[in-house]
C-alpha cells in the first residue's frame, strides 16, 4: 500500500487474499499459543493451571488499561493521515510509560488476593508484570501496523511475541523438565522484558509527547478495550471464586480453544477496522453498507470457528492428560459462543466510526456486567456446566445489545 489513505469501498467485496495474508501469521501464532498451553497444562496439572490461568486473566485485563488507549487512538489518526505517525506513536509510547507501573502494581495486588495463596506473591508478581509489559507492547505495535493498513505485518508482530513465549515453554518444560509455576514465572518474566524491548525498538522512531486532543478519545477506546477484555477474561476471574481449582483448570483449558475464533476475528477486523473510519468520512450510507457487509462476513467467520472448535475439542484430553478429561465437552460447548463474539465487532466499530464511542463503551460495559451475572449464576447453580452455559448466554446478550444500540442511534 502507498502512504496515502485508501478510499472507502462502496461495497464489502471479500478480500480473500488480504484475509489469507493476515490469517496465516495469526493462525501460526495461535498454534504456538496452543502448544504453549499444552506444555503448561501437562506440566502444572489442572489445579495449578487453573490458578495460573486466573492470574493471566487479571494480567490480560490490566494490559487493556496500560497505555490508557494511546495506541488505540493512533489508528484513527494515521488511517486518514499517514504523516501523523511520529506524533501519534510518540503519544502512545509516552502514555504507556506513565501508566504501566501503577497498573501492574494494582493488578498484582488483585491477582495475589485471588490466586496468591496457591501460587505465592512473587510468582504472581512475575507473571502479571511480565505479561502486562509484553502484552501492551505487542498490542501497540500491532495497532500501529493496522493503522498503516498492514494487517499481515500486524500478524507478524503477534507471531514474534508468541514464538518467543512458545520457545520459553519448550525450554522450561521440555528441556529443563520444570513442573512448578514459580520456574515458569521466572522464565516468562525475563522473556517478556526482552520481547517487549525488541518489538518496540523495531517499530521505529517517535516524537515522545502527550497530545491532549487525543487523550479523551483514547480513554474511551481504552474503556471499550477493557470492557471487551473483561468479556473475554472475566469468566476465569469470577470462576476462581466459584469453582474448585481443579474444575477451574478444566474450564480454563477448554476455553483456550476460543483462540480459534480469535484468530479469524483478528484477521478480519485488522482489514475492516480502518475502513469504518474511511466509510464514515464518506457518509452514513457508505458506513451502513459497510456495516451490513461486515456483519455477513463476521457471521461466516464465527460459524466456521465454532465448527473448527467442535472438531478439534476431542484432542484436548489426549494432549493434556487424564486430569483434563472434561475439557472436550467444555471446549465444544464454549465454541457455540464464537458466532456471537464475531457479530459484536461490526456494530461496535460502526458506533466508534460515527463518533458514538461513549455509547459503545456504555453498552459493552453493561453487557459485561450481564455476562458476569449469568456466568456466576450458572456456576453457582450447576457448577462447570452452568458456567459454560452462562458464558455463551452472556456473549449472545452482548451482541444483541450492540446491534440494538446501533439501530437506536440512527
Protein backbone atom coordinates (compact mmCIF):
# COMPACT_ATOMS: atom_id res chain seq x y z
CA UNK A 1 0.00 0.00 0.00
CA UNK A 2 1.01 3.59 -0.53
CA UNK A 3 1.22 6.18 2.19
CA UNK A 4 -1.97 7.81 1.04
CA UNK A 5 -5.10 6.69 2.85
CA UNK A 6 -7.17 4.21 0.85
CA UNK A 7 -10.61 5.47 -0.22
CA UNK A 8 -13.65 3.88 1.36
CA UNK A 9 -15.10 0.97 -0.54
CA UNK A 10 -18.59 1.21 -1.95
CA UNK A 11 -19.33 -2.40 -1.02
CA UNK A 12 -17.66 -5.06 1.08
CA UNK A 13 -16.32 -7.43 -1.57
CA UNK A 14 -14.48 -10.18 0.29
CA UNK A 15 -10.77 -9.54 0.07
CA UNK A 16 -9.66 -13.14 0.35
CA UNK A 17 -6.02 -12.58 -0.48
CA UNK A 18 -5.60 -9.91 2.19
CA UNK A 19 -7.52 -12.07 4.67
CA UNK A 20 -5.27 -15.04 3.89
CA UNK A 21 -2.13 -12.94 4.31
CA UNK A 22 -3.46 -11.68 7.64
CA UNK A 23 -4.73 -15.02 8.93
CA UNK A 24 -1.63 -17.12 8.18
CA UNK A 25 0.69 -15.44 10.73
CA UNK A 26 -2.18 -15.10 13.20
CA UNK A 27 -3.13 -18.76 12.84
CA UNK A 28 0.50 -19.76 13.24
CA UNK A 29 0.66 -17.65 16.40
CA UNK A 30 -2.49 -19.33 17.71
CA UNK A 31 -0.99 -22.74 17.02
CA UNK A 32 2.09 -21.77 19.02
CA UNK A 33 -0.13 -20.47 21.83
CA UNK A 34 -1.96 -23.78 21.92
CA UNK A 35 1.37 -25.62 22.04
CA UNK A 36 2.48 -23.42 24.93
CA UNK A 37 -0.82 -24.09 26.69
CA UNK A 38 -0.46 -27.86 26.24
CA UNK A 39 3.08 -27.85 27.64
CA UNK A 40 1.99 -25.69 30.59
CA UNK A 41 -1.13 -27.71 31.36
CA UNK A 42 0.65 -31.07 31.25
CA UNK A 43 3.48 -29.81 33.46
CA UNK A 44 1.41 -28.00 36.09
CA UNK A 45 -1.72 -30.17 36.30
CA UNK A 46 -5.31 -28.89 36.48
CA UNK A 47 -5.20 -27.29 39.95
CA UNK A 48 -2.07 -25.15 39.47
CA UNK A 49 -3.02 -24.49 35.86
CA UNK A 50 -6.38 -23.11 36.97
CA UNK A 51 -4.73 -20.64 39.37
CA UNK A 52 -2.17 -19.61 36.74
CA UNK A 53 -4.98 -19.12 34.21
CA UNK A 54 -6.86 -16.86 36.63
CA UNK A 55 -3.67 -14.83 37.17
CA UNK A 56 -3.17 -14.46 33.42
CA UNK A 57 -6.79 -13.36 33.09
CA UNK A 58 -6.20 -10.48 35.53
CA UNK A 59 -3.00 -9.59 33.66
CA UNK A 60 -4.95 -9.52 30.38
CA UNK A 61 -7.47 -7.08 31.83
CA UNK A 62 -4.66 -4.91 33.17
CA UNK A 63 -2.99 -4.97 29.76
CA UNK A 64 -6.00 -3.21 28.27
CA UNK A 65 -5.72 -0.46 30.87
CA UNK A 66 -1.98 0.11 30.48
CA UNK A 67 -1.32 2.70 27.82
CA UNK A 68 -4.64 4.45 28.53
CA UNK A 69 -5.77 3.91 24.95
CA UNK A 70 -2.99 5.92 23.36
CA UNK A 71 -2.14 3.19 20.88
CA UNK A 72 -5.79 2.54 20.05
CA UNK A 73 -6.32 6.21 19.25
CA UNK A 74 -3.45 6.26 16.78
CA UNK A 75 -5.38 4.03 14.33
CA UNK A 76 -7.83 6.84 13.58
CA UNK A 77 -5.02 9.36 13.33
CA UNK A 78 -2.84 7.55 10.83
CA UNK A 79 -5.60 5.74 8.91
CA UNK A 80 -6.60 9.07 7.38
CA UNK A 81 -3.22 10.89 7.54
CA UNK A 82 0.00 8.86 7.48
CA UNK A 83 2.08 11.95 8.25
CA UNK A 84 0.67 11.82 11.80
CA UNK A 85 2.61 8.64 12.55
CA UNK A 86 5.59 10.02 14.59
CA UNK A 87 3.39 12.16 16.83
CA UNK A 88 0.68 9.52 17.30
CA UNK A 89 3.21 6.76 18.03
CA UNK A 90 5.08 9.00 20.47
CA UNK A 91 1.82 9.80 22.26
CA UNK A 92 1.12 6.07 22.62
CA UNK A 93 4.58 5.27 23.98
CA UNK A 94 4.52 8.14 26.46
CA UNK A 95 1.17 7.10 27.93
CA UNK A 96 2.37 3.51 28.13
CA UNK A 97 5.49 4.51 30.08
CA UNK A 98 3.48 6.64 32.50
CA UNK A 99 0.68 4.15 33.14
CA UNK A 100 2.50 0.83 33.28
CA UNK A 101 3.94 0.97 36.86
CA UNK A 102 0.68 1.75 38.72
CA UNK A 103 -1.39 -0.58 36.56
CA UNK A 104 0.99 -3.50 37.07
CA UNK A 105 1.08 -2.86 40.82
CA UNK A 106 -2.69 -2.84 41.22
CA UNK A 107 -3.10 -5.91 39.01
CA UNK A 108 -0.50 -7.80 41.04
CA UNK A 109 -2.35 -6.99 44.26
CA UNK A 110 -5.66 -8.16 42.78
CA UNK A 111 -4.17 -11.39 41.45
CA UNK A 112 -2.45 -12.06 44.75
CA UNK A 113 -5.77 -11.82 46.57
CA UNK A 114 -7.41 -14.20 44.11
CA UNK A 115 -4.72 -16.81 43.41
CA UNK A 116 -1.81 -15.82 45.66
CA UNK A 117 -2.40 -18.38 48.44
CA UNK A 118 -1.90 -21.16 45.93
CA UNK A 119 0.94 -19.59 43.94
CA UNK A 120 2.78 -17.13 46.18
CA UNK A 121 3.15 -13.37 45.82
CA UNK A 122 6.48 -13.48 43.97
CA UNK A 123 5.14 -15.88 41.34
CA UNK A 124 2.02 -13.79 40.84
CA UNK A 125 4.05 -10.58 40.53
CA UNK A 126 6.40 -12.06 37.94
CA UNK A 127 3.51 -13.36 35.83
CA UNK A 128 1.46 -10.18 35.97
CA UNK A 129 4.25 -7.63 35.48
CA UNK A 130 5.81 -9.55 32.62
CA UNK A 131 2.56 -10.26 30.83
CA UNK A 132 1.25 -6.69 31.05
CA UNK A 133 4.56 -5.38 29.70
CA UNK A 134 4.81 -7.67 26.69
CA UNK A 135 1.06 -7.68 26.08
CA UNK A 136 0.75 -3.91 25.80
CA UNK A 137 3.96 -3.52 23.79
CA UNK A 138 2.77 -6.15 21.32
CA UNK A 139 -0.73 -4.67 21.07
CA UNK A 140 0.68 -1.18 20.47
CA UNK A 141 2.94 -2.41 17.68
CA UNK A 142 0.03 -4.32 16.12
CA UNK A 143 -2.23 -1.27 16.22
CA UNK A 144 0.49 0.81 14.58
CA UNK A 145 0.57 -1.65 11.68
CA UNK A 146 -3.23 -1.79 11.49
CA UNK A 147 -3.40 1.99 11.21
CA UNK A 148 -0.84 1.86 8.42
CA UNK A 149 -3.03 -0.62 6.55
CA UNK A 150 -0.65 -3.56 7.04
CA UNK A 151 -2.71 -6.41 8.53
CA UNK A 152 -0.13 -9.04 7.63
CA UNK A 153 2.59 -7.08 9.41
CA UNK A 154 0.35 -6.80 12.45
CA UNK A 155 0.03 -10.56 12.42
CA UNK A 156 3.78 -10.95 12.23
CA UNK A 157 4.19 -8.79 15.33
CA UNK A 158 1.87 -11.10 17.25
CA UNK A 159 3.62 -14.14 15.81
CA UNK A 160 7.02 -12.94 17.02
CA UNK A 161 5.76 -12.43 20.57
CA UNK A 162 4.02 -15.79 20.68
CA UNK A 163 7.03 -17.57 19.18
CA UNK A 164 9.19 -16.19 21.98
CA UNK A 165 6.73 -17.45 24.60
CA UNK A 166 6.49 -20.88 22.95
CA UNK A 167 10.28 -21.18 22.88
CA UNK A 168 10.35 -20.33 26.58
CA UNK A 169 7.79 -23.07 27.30
CA UNK A 170 9.79 -25.59 25.29
CA UNK A 171 12.92 -24.67 27.27
CA UNK A 172 11.30 -24.61 30.71
CA UNK A 173 9.03 -27.65 30.43
CA UNK A 174 10.59 -29.63 27.61
CA UNK A 175 14.32 -29.34 28.14
CA UNK A 176 14.56 -28.42 31.84
CA UNK A 177 11.59 -30.52 32.95
CA UNK A 178 10.06 -27.84 35.19
CA UNK A 179 6.78 -28.75 36.91
CA UNK A 180 6.15 -25.71 39.10
CA UNK A 181 4.58 -22.31 38.47
CA UNK A 182 7.45 -20.33 40.02
CA UNK A 183 10.00 -21.56 37.47
CA UNK A 184 7.56 -20.74 34.68
CA UNK A 185 7.02 -17.25 36.09
CA UNK A 186 10.75 -16.53 36.29
CA UNK A 187 11.33 -17.70 32.73
CA UNK A 188 8.42 -15.75 31.24
CA UNK A 189 9.25 -12.55 33.12
CA UNK A 190 12.68 -12.48 31.51
CA UNK A 191 11.29 -13.41 28.10
CA UNK A 192 8.60 -10.71 28.33
CA UNK A 193 11.09 -7.94 29.04
CA UNK A 194 13.35 -8.95 26.16
CA UNK A 195 10.48 -9.40 23.70
CA UNK A 196 8.83 -6.09 24.57
CA UNK A 197 12.09 -4.18 24.18
CA UNK A 198 12.80 -5.78 20.80
CA UNK A 199 9.30 -5.17 19.40
CA UNK A 200 9.21 -1.51 20.39
CA UNK A 201 12.72 -0.93 19.08
CA UNK A 202 11.74 -2.33 15.66
CA UNK A 203 8.74 -0.01 15.38
CA UNK A 204 10.95 2.97 14.61
CA UNK A 205 11.28 6.48 15.97
CA UNK A 206 8.62 8.55 17.65
CA UNK A 207 8.10 12.08 18.92
CA UNK A 208 7.56 11.48 22.62
CA UNK A 209 4.76 13.70 23.88
CA UNK A 210 1.20 13.69 25.11
CA UNK A 211 -1.35 15.07 22.67
CA UNK A 212 -4.16 16.40 24.80
CA UNK A 213 -6.62 16.31 21.92
CA UNK A 214 -6.22 12.54 21.67
CA UNK A 215 -6.37 11.70 25.38
CA UNK A 216 -10.15 11.71 25.70
CA UNK A 217 -10.75 9.59 22.61
CA UNK A 218 -8.03 7.18 23.69
CA UNK A 219 -9.53 6.80 27.15
CA UNK A 220 -12.89 5.95 25.62
CA UNK A 221 -11.22 3.35 23.41
CA UNK A 222 -9.34 2.04 26.44
CA UNK A 223 -12.62 1.64 28.33
CA UNK A 224 -14.06 -0.20 25.37
CA UNK A 225 -11.00 -2.45 25.16
CA UNK A 226 -11.28 -3.01 28.90
CA UNK A 227 -14.92 -4.00 28.51
CA UNK A 228 -14.06 -6.44 25.73
CA UNK A 229 -11.16 -7.82 27.78
CA UNK A 230 -13.50 -8.33 30.73
CA UNK A 231 -15.94 -10.10 28.44
CA UNK A 232 -13.13 -12.43 27.36
CA UNK A 233 -11.34 -12.96 30.68
CA UNK A 234 -13.90 -12.36 33.40
CA UNK A 235 -15.01 -15.97 33.30
CA UNK A 236 -11.74 -17.27 34.77
CA UNK A 237 -11.60 -14.44 37.31
CA UNK A 238 -15.17 -14.99 38.52
CA UNK A 239 -14.94 -18.77 38.45
CA UNK A 240 -11.75 -18.69 40.53
CA UNK A 241 -14.04 -17.66 43.39
CA UNK A 242 -16.85 -20.07 42.45
CA UNK A 243 -15.28 -23.35 41.30
CA UNK A 244 -12.67 -25.59 42.94
CA UNK A 245 -9.16 -25.13 41.44
CA UNK A 246 -9.30 -28.44 39.54
CA UNK A 247 -12.65 -27.58 37.92
CA UNK A 248 -11.33 -24.12 37.13
CA UNK A 249 -8.35 -25.74 35.42
CA UNK A 250 -10.63 -27.88 33.25
CA UNK A 251 -12.71 -24.84 32.29
CA UNK A 252 -9.62 -22.74 31.57
CA UNK A 253 -8.18 -25.49 29.39
CA UNK A 254 -11.41 -25.82 27.42
CA UNK A 255 -11.67 -22.07 26.97
CA UNK A 256 -8.29 -21.98 25.23
CA UNK A 257 -9.98 -23.29 22.10
CA UNK A 258 -11.61 -19.86 21.82
CA UNK A 259 -8.29 -18.93 20.22
CA UNK A 260 -9.68 -20.42 17.00
CA UNK A 261 -12.39 -17.76 16.87
CA UNK A 262 -9.97 -15.06 17.97
CA UNK A 263 -7.63 -15.86 15.09
CA UNK A 264 -10.31 -15.36 12.45
CA UNK A 265 -11.76 -12.31 14.21
CA UNK A 266 -8.37 -10.62 14.42
CA UNK A 267 -7.56 -11.29 10.79
CA UNK A 268 -10.91 -9.94 9.61
CA UNK A 269 -11.03 -6.88 11.86
CA UNK A 270 -7.47 -5.85 11.00
CA UNK A 271 -8.74 -5.42 7.46
CA UNK A 272 -12.16 -3.97 8.29
CA UNK A 273 -11.48 -1.63 11.22
CA UNK A 274 -9.71 1.21 9.34
CA UNK A 275 -12.40 1.04 6.65
CA UNK A 276 -15.09 2.01 9.16
CA UNK A 277 -13.42 5.40 9.67
CA UNK A 278 -12.98 5.84 5.93
CA UNK A 279 -16.62 4.90 5.27
CA UNK A 280 -17.82 7.28 7.99
CA UNK A 281 -15.95 10.10 6.26
CA UNK A 282 -17.78 9.23 3.02
CA UNK A 283 -21.21 9.47 4.64
CA UNK A 284 -23.92 7.50 6.50
CA UNK A 285 -24.92 5.37 3.52
CA UNK A 286 -21.36 4.16 2.95
CA UNK A 287 -21.00 3.32 6.65
CA UNK A 288 -24.33 1.46 6.71
CA UNK A 289 -23.37 -0.58 3.64
CA UNK A 290 -20.00 -1.46 5.15
CA UNK A 291 -21.62 -2.49 8.45
CA UNK A 292 -24.12 -4.80 6.71
CA UNK A 293 -21.40 -6.42 4.64
CA UNK A 294 -19.14 -6.77 7.67
CA UNK A 295 -21.96 -8.48 9.58
CA UNK A 296 -22.34 -11.12 6.89
CA UNK A 297 -18.59 -11.69 6.75
CA UNK A 298 -18.20 -11.90 10.53
CA UNK A 299 -21.19 -14.25 10.87
CA UNK A 300 -19.50 -16.64 8.44
CA UNK A 301 -16.22 -16.28 10.34
CA UNK A 302 -17.93 -17.11 13.63
CA UNK A 303 -19.78 -20.16 12.30
CA UNK A 304 -16.61 -21.58 10.77
CA UNK A 305 -14.75 -21.01 14.04
CA UNK A 306 -17.47 -22.79 16.01
CA UNK A 307 -17.29 -25.80 13.70
CA UNK A 308 -13.50 -25.87 13.94
CA UNK A 309 -13.62 -25.79 17.75
CA UNK A 310 -16.11 -28.68 17.84
CA UNK A 311 -13.89 -30.72 15.52
CA UNK A 312 -10.69 -30.09 17.48
CA UNK A 313 -12.11 -30.35 21.03
CA UNK A 314 -11.74 -34.16 21.38
CA UNK A 315 -7.97 -33.79 21.01
CA UNK A 316 -7.59 -31.82 24.25
CA UNK A 317 -7.77 -34.69 26.78
CA UNK A 318 -5.32 -36.68 24.65
CA UNK A 319 -2.84 -33.80 24.68
CA UNK A 320 -3.24 -32.68 28.29
CA UNK A 321 -3.58 -35.98 30.13
CA UNK A 322 -6.24 -37.72 32.24
CA UNK A 323 -6.58 -34.84 34.70
CA UNK A 324 -8.23 -32.80 31.96
CA UNK A 325 -10.79 -35.43 30.91
CA UNK A 326 -13.71 -32.98 30.84
CA UNK A 327 -12.12 -30.41 28.57
CA UNK A 328 -13.52 -31.80 25.29
CA UNK A 329 -17.15 -31.13 26.20
CA UNK A 330 -16.33 -27.78 27.75
CA UNK A 331 -14.42 -26.62 24.67
CA UNK A 332 -17.13 -27.71 22.22
CA UNK A 333 -19.87 -26.03 24.24
CA UNK A 334 -17.90 -22.81 24.63
CA UNK A 335 -17.36 -22.85 20.86
CA UNK A 336 -21.08 -22.08 20.47
CA UNK A 337 -20.21 -18.53 21.55
CA UNK A 338 -17.92 -17.91 18.53
CA UNK A 339 -20.63 -16.53 16.18
CA UNK A 340 -21.96 -14.22 18.89
CA UNK A 341 -18.49 -12.87 19.63
CA UNK A 342 -17.80 -12.30 15.92
CA UNK A 343 -21.09 -10.42 15.48
CA UNK A 344 -20.15 -7.97 18.23
CA UNK A 345 -17.49 -6.30 16.09
CA UNK A 346 -19.46 -4.69 13.19
CA UNK A 347 -21.95 -2.68 15.29
CA UNK A 348 -19.27 -1.76 17.83
CA UNK A 349 -16.84 -0.47 15.19
CA UNK A 350 -19.65 1.36 13.39
CA UNK A 351 -20.53 3.17 16.62
CA UNK A 352 -16.90 4.20 17.06
CA UNK A 353 -16.66 5.46 13.48
CA UNK A 354 -19.85 7.51 13.93
CA UNK A 355 -18.40 9.25 16.96
CA UNK A 356 -20.57 7.31 19.39
CA UNK A 357 -17.74 5.76 21.32
CA UNK A 358 -19.30 6.65 24.72
CA UNK A 359 -22.43 4.72 23.74
CA UNK A 360 -20.36 1.74 22.57
CA UNK A 361 -18.42 1.73 25.81
CA UNK A 362 -21.52 2.02 27.98
CA UNK A 363 -23.32 -0.78 26.17
CA UNK A 364 -20.27 -3.04 26.28
CA UNK A 365 -19.71 -2.47 29.98
CA UNK A 366 -23.38 -3.14 30.69
CA UNK A 367 -23.13 -6.31 28.61
CA UNK A 368 -20.08 -7.42 30.55
CA UNK A 369 -21.99 -6.95 33.80
CA UNK A 370 -24.84 -9.08 32.48
CA UNK A 371 -22.33 -11.71 31.31
CA UNK A 372 -20.71 -11.79 34.74
CA UNK A 373 -24.09 -12.29 36.36
CA UNK A 374 -25.09 -15.12 34.02
CA UNK A 375 -21.69 -16.75 34.48
CA UNK A 376 -21.84 -16.52 38.27
CA UNK A 377 -25.44 -17.70 38.43
CA UNK A 378 -24.70 -20.63 36.13
CA UNK A 379 -21.60 -21.63 38.08
CA UNK A 380 -23.37 -21.48 41.44
CA UNK A 381 -26.45 -23.32 40.15
CA UNK A 382 -24.89 -26.06 38.06
CA UNK A 383 -21.14 -25.94 38.54
CA UNK A 384 -18.95 -26.30 35.46
CA UNK A 385 -21.83 -26.96 33.03
CA UNK A 386 -23.74 -23.94 34.30
CA UNK A 387 -20.70 -21.72 33.95
CA UNK A 388 -20.34 -22.76 30.30
CA UNK A 389 -24.00 -22.03 29.58
CA UNK A 390 -23.70 -18.68 31.34
CA UNK A 391 -20.72 -17.70 29.21
CA UNK A 392 -22.48 -18.44 25.91
CA UNK A 393 -25.64 -16.62 27.03
CA UNK A 394 -23.62 -13.59 28.08
CA UNK A 395 -21.88 -13.30 24.71
CA UNK A 396 -25.20 -13.59 22.86
CA UNK A 397 -26.69 -10.86 25.04
CA UNK A 398 -23.75 -8.53 24.38
CA UNK A 399 -24.03 -8.99 20.60
CA UNK A 400 -27.77 -8.24 20.69
CA UNK A 401 -27.23 -5.15 22.83
CA UNK A 402 -24.64 -3.68 20.45
CA UNK A 403 -26.84 -4.16 17.38
CA UNK A 404 -29.80 -2.65 19.21
CA UNK A 405 -27.69 0.37 20.25
CA UNK A 406 -26.58 0.92 16.64
CA UNK A 407 -30.17 0.75 15.40
CA UNK A 408 -31.39 3.21 18.03
CA UNK A 409 -28.75 5.84 17.33
CA UNK A 410 -29.62 6.30 13.64
